[in-house]
Amino acid sequence: MRATPLLLLGLPTLLAAQRTVDGNRVVSPALPAAALEIAAGMTYAGTQSFELYSVANAEQHFFVELDGSRIKRLLWIQFEGYHASNTNTYNYRDSTVEHSGRTWHRRIAAAKVPPTDARPDSDGARARAFLREKGWTLGPDVMSERLVWLLDSPARNELMLIYMEDLTDHGLTAADVNPGGSARDRWPAIAAAFHGRAVGVFSVKDR
């Protein structure tokens, strides 16, 4: 049977990964020309690359710590850049932090993992589908920190890392730590400790 092209199915175009992985080291030849060193205890789970919304290329790499088929911790790494055919730029209003000698836009939150994805072509939906295909479960209640390093000016390329933990392991739910929750008064301390773990799970080195 003749295969139906992915574009006719409305699915993202699959691309070849441009970065290589050696153990817990992700090596990028460009954008950025650097190596990411991932902490021991996190296991490489694989990669996928695709065209995102027909305007950018995205390359995802995943590291996990598992409890059976449950994801205790996740590090989602995404290299992303707009196509030369458009003039789009990235614009973040998050607070910034310094880590590994770089400036990162930072956003931290607790939320439920959506049971279904309204936009199956989004990078988040693609990431969750990748993990489900492995037979793993994520959440439903997780804490996450997104860190984004803008690689050029104007900002047309970025490196994004999202670190997640299952809140079950902390005896909490997203509702507990969000406004009005029973543990909301502890949020500043919880967020500060979580940020320490998020930046502690990776470092960026010159190649």
N, C-alpha and C. Protein backbone atom coordinates (compact mmCIF):
# COMPACT_ATOMS: atom_id res chain seq x y z
N MET A 1 0.85 -1.20 0.00
CA MET A 1 0.00 0.00 0.00
C MET A 1 0.88 1.24 0.00
N ARG A 2 0.50 2.18 -0.80
CA ARG A 2 1.27 3.42 -0.88
C ARG A 2 1.05 4.25 0.39
N ALA A 3 2.15 4.72 0.98
CA ALA A 3 2.04 5.52 2.19
C ALA A 3 1.47 6.90 1.87
N THR A 4 0.62 7.41 2.77
CA THR A 4 0.07 8.75 2.60
C THR A 4 1.04 9.77 3.18
N PRO A 5 1.44 10.79 2.44
CA PRO A 5 2.37 11.79 2.96
C PRO A 5 1.82 12.42 4.23
N LEU A 6 2.72 12.71 5.16
CA LEU A 6 2.32 13.29 6.44
C LEU A 6 1.58 14.61 6.25
N LEU A 7 2.00 15.42 5.29
CA LEU A 7 1.37 16.71 5.09
C LEU A 7 -0.10 16.57 4.72
N LEU A 8 -0.45 15.49 3.98
CA LEU A 8 -1.84 15.28 3.61
C LEU A 8 -2.68 14.90 4.81
N LEU A 9 -2.06 14.35 5.84
CA LEU A 9 -2.77 13.99 7.06
C LEU A 9 -2.85 15.14 8.03
N GLY A 10 -2.20 16.25 7.72
CA GLY A 10 -2.22 17.39 8.62
C GLY A 10 -1.29 17.25 9.79
N LEU A 11 -0.32 16.34 9.69
CA LEU A 11 0.63 16.12 10.77
C LEU A 11 1.90 16.91 10.52
N PRO A 12 2.66 17.24 11.59
CA PRO A 12 3.92 17.97 11.41
C PRO A 12 4.90 17.17 10.57
N THR A 13 5.65 17.85 9.74
CA THR A 13 6.67 17.21 8.94
C THR A 13 7.82 16.75 9.85
N LEU A 14 8.16 15.48 9.78
CA LEU A 14 9.25 14.96 10.60
C LEU A 14 10.58 15.36 9.99
N LEU A 15 11.53 15.72 10.84
CA LEU A 15 12.83 16.19 10.41
C LEU A 15 13.91 15.37 11.09
N ALA A 16 15.13 15.44 10.56
CA ALA A 16 16.25 14.74 11.17
C ALA A 16 16.82 15.59 12.31
N ALA A 17 17.18 14.95 13.42
CA ALA A 17 17.78 15.66 14.55
C ALA A 17 19.15 16.19 14.16
N GLN A 18 19.45 17.40 14.58
CA GLN A 18 20.74 18.03 14.28
C GLN A 18 21.72 17.91 15.44
N ARG A 19 21.24 17.48 16.61
CA ARG A 19 22.11 17.35 17.78
C ARG A 19 22.35 15.88 18.08
N THR A 20 23.47 15.59 18.72
CA THR A 20 23.81 14.22 19.07
C THR A 20 23.85 14.08 20.59
N VAL A 21 23.65 12.85 21.04
CA VAL A 21 23.63 12.56 22.47
C VAL A 21 24.62 11.46 22.78
N ASP A 22 25.46 11.70 23.78
CA ASP A 22 26.43 10.72 24.25
C ASP A 22 26.23 10.59 25.75
N GLY A 23 25.53 9.53 26.16
CA GLY A 23 25.22 9.38 27.58
C GLY A 23 24.31 10.49 28.04
N ASN A 24 24.78 11.27 28.99
CA ASN A 24 23.99 12.40 29.50
C ASN A 24 24.53 13.74 29.00
N ARG A 25 25.03 13.72 27.79
CA ARG A 25 25.58 14.93 27.17
C ARG A 25 24.94 15.14 25.81
N VAL A 26 24.28 16.29 25.63
CA VAL A 26 23.67 16.65 24.35
C VAL A 26 24.58 17.68 23.68
N VAL A 27 25.06 17.35 22.50
CA VAL A 27 26.01 18.22 21.80
C VAL A 27 25.31 18.88 20.63
N SER A 28 25.35 20.21 20.60
CA SER A 28 24.73 20.99 19.54
C SER A 28 25.81 21.67 18.72
N PRO A 29 25.85 21.44 17.39
CA PRO A 29 26.89 22.06 16.57
C PRO A 29 26.66 23.55 16.34
N ALA A 30 25.41 23.99 16.46
CA ALA A 30 25.09 25.40 16.22
C ALA A 30 23.75 25.73 16.85
N LEU A 31 23.58 27.01 17.15
CA LEU A 31 22.30 27.53 17.68
C LEU A 31 21.74 26.69 18.82
N PRO A 32 22.50 26.59 19.93
CA PRO A 32 23.82 27.17 20.16
C PRO A 32 24.92 26.15 19.88
N ALA A 33 26.14 26.66 19.67
CA ALA A 33 27.31 25.78 19.59
C ALA A 33 27.75 25.51 21.02
N ALA A 34 27.18 24.47 21.62
CA ALA A 34 27.40 24.21 23.04
C ALA A 34 27.02 22.77 23.34
N ALA A 35 27.35 22.35 24.56
CA ALA A 35 26.97 21.02 25.03
C ALA A 35 26.17 21.17 26.33
N LEU A 36 25.09 20.42 26.44
CA LEU A 36 24.31 20.37 27.66
C LEU A 36 24.69 19.11 28.42
N GLU A 37 25.07 19.28 29.66
CA GLU A 37 25.41 18.15 30.51
C GLU A 37 24.29 17.95 31.51
N ILE A 38 23.70 16.75 31.49
CA ILE A 38 22.52 16.45 32.29
C ILE A 38 22.94 15.63 33.51
N ALA A 39 22.33 15.93 34.64
CA ALA A 39 22.71 15.31 35.91
C ALA A 39 22.49 13.80 35.90
N ALA A 40 23.32 13.10 36.66
CA ALA A 40 23.15 11.67 36.86
C ALA A 40 21.79 11.43 37.52
N GLY A 41 21.20 10.29 37.21
CA GLY A 41 19.87 9.99 37.71
C GLY A 41 18.80 10.23 36.68
N MET A 42 19.12 11.00 35.65
CA MET A 42 18.21 11.23 34.54
C MET A 42 18.67 10.37 33.37
N THR A 43 17.74 9.65 32.75
CA THR A 43 18.04 8.72 31.67
C THR A 43 17.51 9.26 30.36
N TYR A 44 18.33 9.18 29.33
CA TYR A 44 17.92 9.68 28.02
C TYR A 44 16.79 8.83 27.46
N ALA A 45 15.74 9.49 26.97
CA ALA A 45 14.55 8.78 26.50
C ALA A 45 14.34 8.91 25.00
N GLY A 46 15.12 9.76 24.32
CA GLY A 46 14.99 9.85 22.87
C GLY A 46 14.72 11.26 22.38
N THR A 47 14.51 11.35 21.06
CA THR A 47 14.37 12.64 20.39
C THR A 47 13.31 12.57 19.31
N GLN A 48 12.77 13.72 18.96
CA GLN A 48 11.94 13.87 17.77
C GLN A 48 12.09 15.30 17.26
N SER A 49 12.00 15.45 15.95
CA SER A 49 12.12 16.76 15.32
C SER A 49 10.98 16.91 14.33
N PHE A 50 10.45 18.13 14.22
CA PHE A 50 9.30 18.35 13.36
C PHE A 50 9.16 19.83 13.03
N GLU A 51 8.33 20.09 12.03
CA GLU A 51 8.00 21.46 11.68
C GLU A 51 6.86 21.92 12.57
N LEU A 52 7.01 23.08 13.18
CA LEU A 52 6.04 23.57 14.15
C LEU A 52 5.19 24.69 13.54
N TYR A 53 3.90 24.43 13.41
CA TYR A 53 2.94 25.42 12.90
C TYR A 53 3.35 26.00 11.54
N SER A 54 4.17 25.29 10.79
CA SER A 54 4.62 25.72 9.46
C SER A 54 5.46 26.99 9.48
N VAL A 55 5.93 27.40 10.66
CA VAL A 55 6.73 28.63 10.75
C VAL A 55 8.10 28.41 11.38
N ALA A 56 8.30 27.26 12.02
CA ALA A 56 9.56 27.03 12.75
C ALA A 56 9.90 25.55 12.73
N ASN A 57 11.16 25.26 13.02
CA ASN A 57 11.60 23.88 13.24
C ASN A 57 11.81 23.68 14.74
N ALA A 58 11.43 22.51 15.23
CA ALA A 58 11.60 22.18 16.65
C ALA A 58 12.27 20.81 16.76
N GLU A 59 13.25 20.73 17.63
CA GLU A 59 13.94 19.47 17.92
C GLU A 59 13.87 19.22 19.41
N GLN A 60 13.24 18.13 19.82
CA GLN A 60 13.04 17.81 21.24
C GLN A 60 13.90 16.63 21.66
N HIS A 61 14.46 16.74 22.86
CA HIS A 61 15.18 15.63 23.51
C HIS A 61 14.61 15.50 24.92
N PHE A 62 14.53 14.25 25.41
CA PHE A 62 13.91 14.00 26.70
C PHE A 62 14.80 13.15 27.60
N PHE A 63 14.87 13.56 28.86
CA PHE A 63 15.51 12.78 29.91
C PHE A 63 14.48 12.56 31.01
N VAL A 64 14.46 11.35 31.59
CA VAL A 64 13.44 11.03 32.59
C VAL A 64 14.06 10.30 33.78
N GLU A 65 13.36 10.40 34.90
CA GLU A 65 13.56 9.48 36.02
C GLU A 65 12.22 8.80 36.23
N LEU A 66 12.22 7.47 36.21
CA LEU A 66 10.98 6.71 36.24
C LEU A 66 10.80 5.96 37.55
N ASP A 67 9.53 5.76 37.90
CA ASP A 67 9.12 4.82 38.94
C ASP A 67 8.18 3.85 38.27
N GLY A 68 8.72 2.73 37.77
CA GLY A 68 7.94 1.85 36.92
C GLY A 68 7.65 2.57 35.61
N SER A 69 6.37 2.77 35.30
CA SER A 69 5.99 3.50 34.09
C SER A 69 5.59 4.95 34.41
N ARG A 70 5.72 5.35 35.66
CA ARG A 70 5.37 6.71 36.06
C ARG A 70 6.59 7.61 35.98
N ILE A 71 6.43 8.78 35.38
CA ILE A 71 7.53 9.74 35.29
C ILE A 71 7.60 10.53 36.59
N LYS A 72 8.67 10.34 37.33
CA LYS A 72 8.89 11.12 38.55
C LYS A 72 9.44 12.50 38.22
N ARG A 73 10.42 12.52 37.30
CA ARG A 73 11.04 13.78 36.87
C ARG A 73 11.24 13.74 35.36
N LEU A 74 11.08 14.89 34.74
CA LEU A 74 11.24 14.99 33.29
C LEU A 74 12.05 16.23 32.97
N LEU A 75 13.01 16.10 32.05
CA LEU A 75 13.69 17.25 31.46
C LEU A 75 13.44 17.21 29.97
N TRP A 76 12.72 18.20 29.50
CA TRP A 76 12.36 18.33 28.08
C TRP A 76 13.20 19.46 27.52
N ILE A 77 14.04 19.13 26.55
CA ILE A 77 14.94 20.08 25.91
C ILE A 77 14.42 20.34 24.51
N GLN A 78 14.32 21.61 24.13
CA GLN A 78 13.81 21.93 22.80
C GLN A 78 14.63 23.03 22.14
N PHE A 79 15.22 22.69 21.00
CA PHE A 79 15.90 23.64 20.14
C PHE A 79 14.88 24.10 19.10
N GLU A 80 14.72 25.41 18.96
CA GLU A 80 13.66 25.89 18.07
C GLU A 80 14.13 27.15 17.33
N GLY A 81 13.73 27.25 16.07
CA GLY A 81 14.09 28.44 15.29
C GLY A 81 13.11 28.67 14.16
N TYR A 82 12.83 29.94 13.90
CA TYR A 82 11.91 30.30 12.83
C TYR A 82 12.54 30.07 11.46
N HIS A 83 11.69 29.79 10.49
CA HIS A 83 12.13 29.65 9.11
C HIS A 83 12.58 31.00 8.54
N ALA A 84 13.48 30.93 7.59
CA ALA A 84 13.95 32.16 6.93
C ALA A 84 12.84 32.84 6.14
N SER A 85 11.76 32.12 5.85
CA SER A 85 10.67 32.67 5.05
C SER A 85 9.76 33.62 5.81
N ASN A 86 9.98 33.77 7.14
CA ASN A 86 9.16 34.71 7.90
C ASN A 86 10.04 35.64 8.72
N THR A 87 9.43 36.62 9.35
CA THR A 87 10.17 37.60 10.15
C THR A 87 9.78 37.54 11.62
N ASN A 88 9.23 36.43 12.05
CA ASN A 88 8.79 36.28 13.44
C ASN A 88 9.98 36.35 14.40
N THR A 89 9.70 36.81 15.61
CA THR A 89 10.71 36.81 16.67
C THR A 89 10.07 36.34 17.97
N TYR A 90 10.90 35.84 18.89
CA TYR A 90 10.43 35.41 20.21
C TYR A 90 10.42 36.60 21.15
N ASN A 91 9.40 36.67 21.99
CA ASN A 91 9.25 37.78 22.91
C ASN A 91 8.73 37.25 24.25
N TYR A 92 9.55 37.30 25.27
CA TYR A 92 9.16 36.81 26.60
C TYR A 92 9.13 37.96 27.58
N ARG A 93 8.15 37.93 28.47
CA ARG A 93 8.04 38.93 29.52
C ARG A 93 8.29 38.32 30.89
N ASP A 94 8.79 37.10 30.92
CA ASP A 94 9.10 36.44 32.18
C ASP A 94 10.28 37.11 32.87
N SER A 95 10.42 36.84 34.16
CA SER A 95 11.62 37.26 34.87
C SER A 95 12.82 36.48 34.33
N THR A 96 14.03 36.97 34.58
CA THR A 96 15.23 36.29 34.08
C THR A 96 16.12 35.86 35.23
N VAL A 97 16.89 34.80 34.97
CA VAL A 97 17.88 34.30 35.92
C VAL A 97 19.16 34.00 35.15
N GLU A 98 20.28 34.01 35.86
CA GLU A 98 21.56 33.64 35.27
C GLU A 98 21.89 32.20 35.65
N HIS A 99 22.32 31.43 34.66
CA HIS A 99 22.72 30.05 34.91
C HIS A 99 23.69 29.63 33.81
N SER A 100 24.78 29.00 34.20
CA SER A 100 25.82 28.56 33.25
C SER A 100 26.32 29.71 32.40
N GLY A 101 26.35 30.92 32.98
CA GLY A 101 26.87 32.07 32.26
C GLY A 101 25.95 32.61 31.19
N ARG A 102 24.69 32.18 31.21
CA ARG A 102 23.70 32.64 30.22
C ARG A 102 22.49 33.22 30.94
N THR A 103 21.75 34.05 30.24
CA THR A 103 20.51 34.62 30.77
C THR A 103 19.33 33.82 30.27
N TRP A 104 18.48 33.40 31.21
CA TRP A 104 17.32 32.56 30.88
C TRP A 104 16.04 33.26 31.32
N HIS A 105 15.05 33.23 30.45
CA HIS A 105 13.71 33.67 30.82
C HIS A 105 13.05 32.53 31.58
N ARG A 106 12.48 32.84 32.73
CA ARG A 106 12.05 31.80 33.66
C ARG A 106 10.55 31.93 33.98
N ARG A 107 9.84 30.79 33.92
CA ARG A 107 8.45 30.76 34.37
C ARG A 107 8.23 29.45 35.12
N ILE A 108 7.68 29.53 36.32
CA ILE A 108 7.45 28.37 37.17
C ILE A 108 5.96 28.27 37.48
N ALA A 109 5.43 27.05 37.50
CA ALA A 109 3.99 26.88 37.71
C ALA A 109 3.69 25.46 38.17
N ALA A 110 2.52 25.31 38.76
CA ALA A 110 1.98 23.99 39.08
C ALA A 110 0.66 23.85 38.34
N ALA A 111 0.45 22.71 37.71
CA ALA A 111 -0.75 22.56 36.88
C ALA A 111 -1.08 21.08 36.70
N LYS A 112 -2.26 20.83 36.20
CA LYS A 112 -2.65 19.48 35.81
C LYS A 112 -2.25 19.24 34.36
N VAL A 113 -1.77 18.06 34.06
CA VAL A 113 -1.48 17.69 32.68
C VAL A 113 -2.81 17.48 31.97
N PRO A 114 -3.03 18.13 30.83
CA PRO A 114 -4.32 17.99 30.15
C PRO A 114 -4.55 16.55 29.68
N PRO A 115 -5.76 16.01 29.91
CA PRO A 115 -6.04 14.64 29.47
C PRO A 115 -6.11 14.53 27.96
N THR A 116 -6.50 15.62 27.30
CA THR A 116 -6.52 15.67 25.83
C THR A 116 -5.92 17.01 25.41
N ASP A 117 -5.47 17.07 24.18
CA ASP A 117 -4.83 18.29 23.67
C ASP A 117 -5.71 18.95 22.63
N ALA A 118 -6.08 20.21 22.91
CA ALA A 118 -6.90 20.96 21.97
C ALA A 118 -6.15 21.22 20.67
N ARG A 119 -4.82 21.33 20.77
CA ARG A 119 -3.99 21.55 19.58
C ARG A 119 -2.98 20.41 19.47
N PRO A 120 -3.33 19.31 18.83
CA PRO A 120 -2.42 18.17 18.75
C PRO A 120 -1.14 18.44 17.97
N ASP A 121 -1.10 19.57 17.23
CA ASP A 121 0.09 19.92 16.46
C ASP A 121 1.04 20.82 17.26
N SER A 122 0.70 21.12 18.51
CA SER A 122 1.57 21.97 19.33
C SER A 122 2.79 21.18 19.80
N ASP A 123 3.83 21.91 20.22
CA ASP A 123 5.03 21.21 20.71
C ASP A 123 4.73 20.47 22.01
N GLY A 124 3.87 21.04 22.87
CA GLY A 124 3.51 20.36 24.11
C GLY A 124 2.77 19.07 23.85
N ALA A 125 1.81 19.11 22.93
CA ALA A 125 1.06 17.90 22.58
C ALA A 125 1.98 16.84 21.99
N ARG A 126 2.92 17.27 21.16
CA ARG A 126 3.86 16.33 20.56
C ARG A 126 4.75 15.69 21.63
N ALA A 127 5.17 16.50 22.61
CA ALA A 127 5.99 15.95 23.69
C ALA A 127 5.21 14.93 24.50
N ARG A 128 3.98 15.26 24.86
CA ARG A 128 3.17 14.33 25.65
C ARG A 128 2.87 13.05 24.88
N ALA A 129 2.63 13.18 23.57
CA ALA A 129 2.38 11.99 22.74
C ALA A 129 3.62 11.10 22.70
N PHE A 130 4.80 11.70 22.61
CA PHE A 130 6.06 10.95 22.60
C PHE A 130 6.18 10.11 23.87
N LEU A 131 5.88 10.73 25.01
CA LEU A 131 6.01 10.02 26.29
C LEU A 131 4.95 8.93 26.42
N ARG A 132 3.73 9.21 25.97
CA ARG A 132 2.69 8.17 26.01
C ARG A 132 3.06 6.97 25.16
N GLU A 133 3.67 7.22 24.01
CA GLU A 133 4.06 6.13 23.13
C GLU A 133 5.10 5.21 23.78
N LYS A 134 5.81 5.74 24.76
CA LYS A 134 6.76 4.92 25.52
C LYS A 134 6.05 4.07 26.57
N GLY A 135 4.75 4.34 26.78
CA GLY A 135 4.00 3.63 27.80
C GLY A 135 4.11 4.25 29.17
N TRP A 136 4.54 5.53 29.21
CA TRP A 136 4.75 6.21 30.49
C TRP A 136 3.60 7.16 30.78
N THR A 137 3.39 7.42 32.08
CA THR A 137 2.37 8.37 32.51
C THR A 137 3.05 9.59 33.14
N LEU A 138 2.45 10.73 32.93
CA LEU A 138 2.96 12.00 33.47
C LEU A 138 1.84 12.67 34.23
N GLY A 139 2.06 12.93 35.50
CA GLY A 139 1.06 13.61 36.32
C GLY A 139 -0.02 12.68 36.83
N PRO A 140 -1.24 13.23 37.07
CA PRO A 140 -1.77 14.42 36.42
C PRO A 140 -1.34 15.76 37.02
N ASP A 141 -0.81 15.76 38.27
CA ASP A 141 -0.42 17.03 38.88
C ASP A 141 1.09 17.16 38.84
N VAL A 142 1.59 18.22 38.20
CA VAL A 142 3.02 18.41 38.06
C VAL A 142 3.40 19.84 38.40
N MET A 143 4.66 19.99 38.76
CA MET A 143 5.26 21.31 38.90
C MET A 143 6.30 21.43 37.80
N SER A 144 6.38 22.59 37.16
CA SER A 144 7.30 22.74 36.04
C SER A 144 7.97 24.10 36.07
N GLU A 145 9.17 24.13 35.52
CA GLU A 145 9.85 25.40 35.30
C GLU A 145 10.34 25.44 33.87
N ARG A 146 9.96 26.49 33.16
CA ARG A 146 10.42 26.70 31.78
C ARG A 146 11.55 27.71 31.79
N LEU A 147 12.65 27.35 31.16
CA LEU A 147 13.81 28.22 31.05
C LEU A 147 14.13 28.39 29.57
N VAL A 148 14.22 29.63 29.10
CA VAL A 148 14.45 29.91 27.68
C VAL A 148 15.66 30.81 27.52
N TRP A 149 16.59 30.37 26.69
CA TRP A 149 17.77 31.15 26.34
C TRP A 149 17.58 31.61 24.89
N LEU A 150 17.49 32.92 24.67
CA LEU A 150 17.38 33.47 23.33
C LEU A 150 18.77 33.54 22.72
N LEU A 151 18.92 32.96 21.54
CA LEU A 151 20.25 32.69 21.01
C LEU A 151 20.80 33.76 20.08
N ASP A 152 19.96 34.67 19.62
CA ASP A 152 20.43 35.67 18.68
C ASP A 152 19.60 36.94 18.83
N SER A 153 19.99 37.97 18.10
CA SER A 153 19.27 39.25 18.11
C SER A 153 19.19 39.78 16.68
N PRO A 154 17.98 39.96 16.16
CA PRO A 154 16.69 39.72 16.80
C PRO A 154 16.50 38.25 17.17
N ALA A 155 15.62 38.01 18.13
CA ALA A 155 15.46 36.68 18.73
C ALA A 155 14.65 35.77 17.82
N ARG A 156 15.36 35.04 16.97
CA ARG A 156 14.69 34.11 16.05
C ARG A 156 15.01 32.66 16.34
N ASN A 157 15.91 32.42 17.27
CA ASN A 157 16.25 31.05 17.67
C ASN A 157 16.33 31.00 19.19
N GLU A 158 15.91 29.86 19.74
CA GLU A 158 15.91 29.72 21.19
C GLU A 158 16.24 28.29 21.60
N LEU A 159 16.72 28.18 22.83
CA LEU A 159 16.87 26.89 23.49
C LEU A 159 15.95 26.93 24.70
N MET A 160 15.00 26.02 24.75
CA MET A 160 14.05 25.95 25.85
C MET A 160 14.22 24.64 26.61
N LEU A 161 14.26 24.74 27.93
CA LEU A 161 14.27 23.56 28.77
C LEU A 161 13.09 23.64 29.73
N ILE A 162 12.37 22.55 29.85
CA ILE A 162 11.26 22.47 30.80
C ILE A 162 11.54 21.30 31.74
N TYR A 163 11.65 21.63 33.01
CA TYR A 163 11.89 20.62 34.04
C TYR A 163 10.58 20.40 34.79
N MET A 164 10.21 19.12 34.98
CA MET A 164 8.95 18.79 35.66
C MET A 164 9.19 17.74 36.74
N GLU A 165 8.36 17.82 37.76
CA GLU A 165 8.30 16.80 38.81
C GLU A 165 6.85 16.45 39.07
N ASP A 166 6.61 15.18 39.39
CA ASP A 166 5.28 14.73 39.78
C ASP A 166 5.03 15.21 41.21
N LEU A 167 3.98 16.00 41.40
CA LEU A 167 3.69 16.54 42.73
C LEU A 167 3.27 15.46 43.72
N THR A 168 2.88 14.29 43.23
CA THR A 168 2.55 13.18 44.12
C THR A 168 3.70 12.87 45.06
N ASP A 169 4.93 12.98 44.55
CA ASP A 169 6.10 12.65 45.37
C ASP A 169 6.32 13.66 46.48
N HIS A 170 5.64 14.78 46.43
CA HIS A 170 5.75 15.79 47.48
C HIS A 170 4.47 15.88 48.31
N GLY A 171 3.55 14.94 48.07
CA GLY A 171 2.30 14.93 48.81
C GLY A 171 1.42 16.12 48.52
N LEU A 172 1.51 16.65 47.29
CA LEU A 172 0.78 17.86 46.92
C LEU A 172 0.04 17.67 45.61
N THR A 173 -0.93 18.56 45.38
CA THR A 173 -1.58 18.69 44.08
C THR A 173 -1.37 20.11 43.58
N ALA A 174 -1.66 20.33 42.32
CA ALA A 174 -1.55 21.68 41.79
C ALA A 174 -2.51 22.63 42.52
N ALA A 175 -3.70 22.14 42.83
CA ALA A 175 -4.68 22.97 43.54
C ALA A 175 -4.16 23.40 44.91
N ASP A 176 -3.37 22.54 45.56
CA ASP A 176 -2.84 22.86 46.90
C ASP A 176 -1.96 24.10 46.88
N VAL A 177 -1.13 24.25 45.83
CA VAL A 177 -0.13 25.33 45.83
C VAL A 177 -0.55 26.54 45.01
N ASN A 178 -1.63 26.43 44.26
CA ASN A 178 -2.12 27.56 43.49
C ASN A 178 -2.98 28.46 44.38
N PRO A 179 -3.29 29.69 43.94
CA PRO A 179 -4.06 30.62 44.78
C PRO A 179 -5.32 30.00 45.36
N GLY A 180 -5.48 30.17 46.67
CA GLY A 180 -6.62 29.59 47.37
C GLY A 180 -6.39 28.20 47.90
N GLY A 181 -5.25 27.59 47.57
CA GLY A 181 -4.98 26.23 47.98
C GLY A 181 -4.48 26.13 49.41
N SER A 182 -4.53 24.92 49.96
CA SER A 182 -4.18 24.70 51.36
C SER A 182 -2.70 24.92 51.64
N ALA A 183 -1.84 24.83 50.61
CA ALA A 183 -0.40 25.01 50.79
C ALA A 183 0.10 26.28 50.11
N ARG A 184 -0.81 27.18 49.77
CA ARG A 184 -0.39 28.37 49.05
C ARG A 184 0.59 29.22 49.84
N ASP A 185 0.45 29.25 51.16
CA ASP A 185 1.36 30.05 51.97
C ASP A 185 2.80 29.53 51.91
N ARG A 186 2.95 28.26 51.50
CA ARG A 186 4.28 27.67 51.38
C ARG A 186 4.86 27.83 49.98
N TRP A 187 4.10 28.46 49.06
CA TRP A 187 4.52 28.54 47.67
C TRP A 187 5.90 29.17 47.47
N PRO A 188 6.22 30.30 48.12
CA PRO A 188 7.56 30.87 47.88
C PRO A 188 8.69 29.90 48.19
N ALA A 189 8.58 29.17 49.30
CA ALA A 189 9.63 28.21 49.66
C ALA A 189 9.64 27.02 48.71
N ILE A 190 8.45 26.55 48.34
CA ILE A 190 8.35 25.42 47.40
C ILE A 190 8.95 25.80 46.06
N ALA A 191 8.62 27.00 45.58
CA ALA A 191 9.11 27.44 44.27
C ALA A 191 10.62 27.65 44.28
N ALA A 192 11.15 28.20 45.37
CA ALA A 192 12.59 28.42 45.46
C ALA A 192 13.35 27.11 45.45
N ALA A 193 12.86 26.13 46.22
CA ALA A 193 13.52 24.82 46.26
C ALA A 193 13.43 24.13 44.90
N PHE A 194 12.28 24.26 44.26
CA PHE A 194 12.10 23.64 42.95
C PHE A 194 13.03 24.27 41.91
N HIS A 195 13.16 25.59 41.95
CA HIS A 195 14.07 26.26 41.02
C HIS A 195 15.50 25.74 41.19
N GLY A 196 15.91 25.52 42.43
CA GLY A 196 17.25 24.98 42.67
C GLY A 196 17.43 23.62 42.02
N ARG A 197 16.39 22.79 42.08
CA ARG A 197 16.48 21.47 41.45
C ARG A 197 16.45 21.59 39.93
N ALA A 198 15.66 22.54 39.41
CA ALA A 198 15.55 22.71 37.95
C ALA A 198 16.90 23.10 37.34
N VAL A 199 17.57 24.10 37.92
CA VAL A 199 18.85 24.52 37.34
C VAL A 199 19.96 23.54 37.72
N GLY A 200 19.72 22.74 38.75
CA GLY A 200 20.74 21.76 39.15
C GLY A 200 20.78 20.54 38.27
N VAL A 201 19.76 20.36 37.43
CA VAL A 201 19.69 19.15 36.62
C VAL A 201 20.45 19.27 35.31
N PHE A 202 20.90 20.49 34.96
CA PHE A 202 21.65 20.63 33.71
C PHE A 202 22.65 21.78 33.82
N SER A 203 23.64 21.75 32.97
CA SER A 203 24.57 22.86 32.80
C SER A 203 24.92 22.97 31.32
N VAL A 204 25.34 24.16 30.92
CA VAL A 204 25.71 24.41 29.53
C VAL A 204 27.21 24.65 29.48
N LYS A 205 27.88 23.93 28.61
CA LYS A 205 29.34 24.05 28.47
C LYS A 205 29.69 24.39 27.04
N ASP A 206 30.84 25.02 26.86
CA ASP A 206 31.37 25.16 25.50
C ASP A 206 31.74 23.78 24.99
N ARG A 207 31.57 23.56 23.70
CA ARG A 207 31.86 22.23 23.15
C ARG A 207 33.35 21.93 23.20
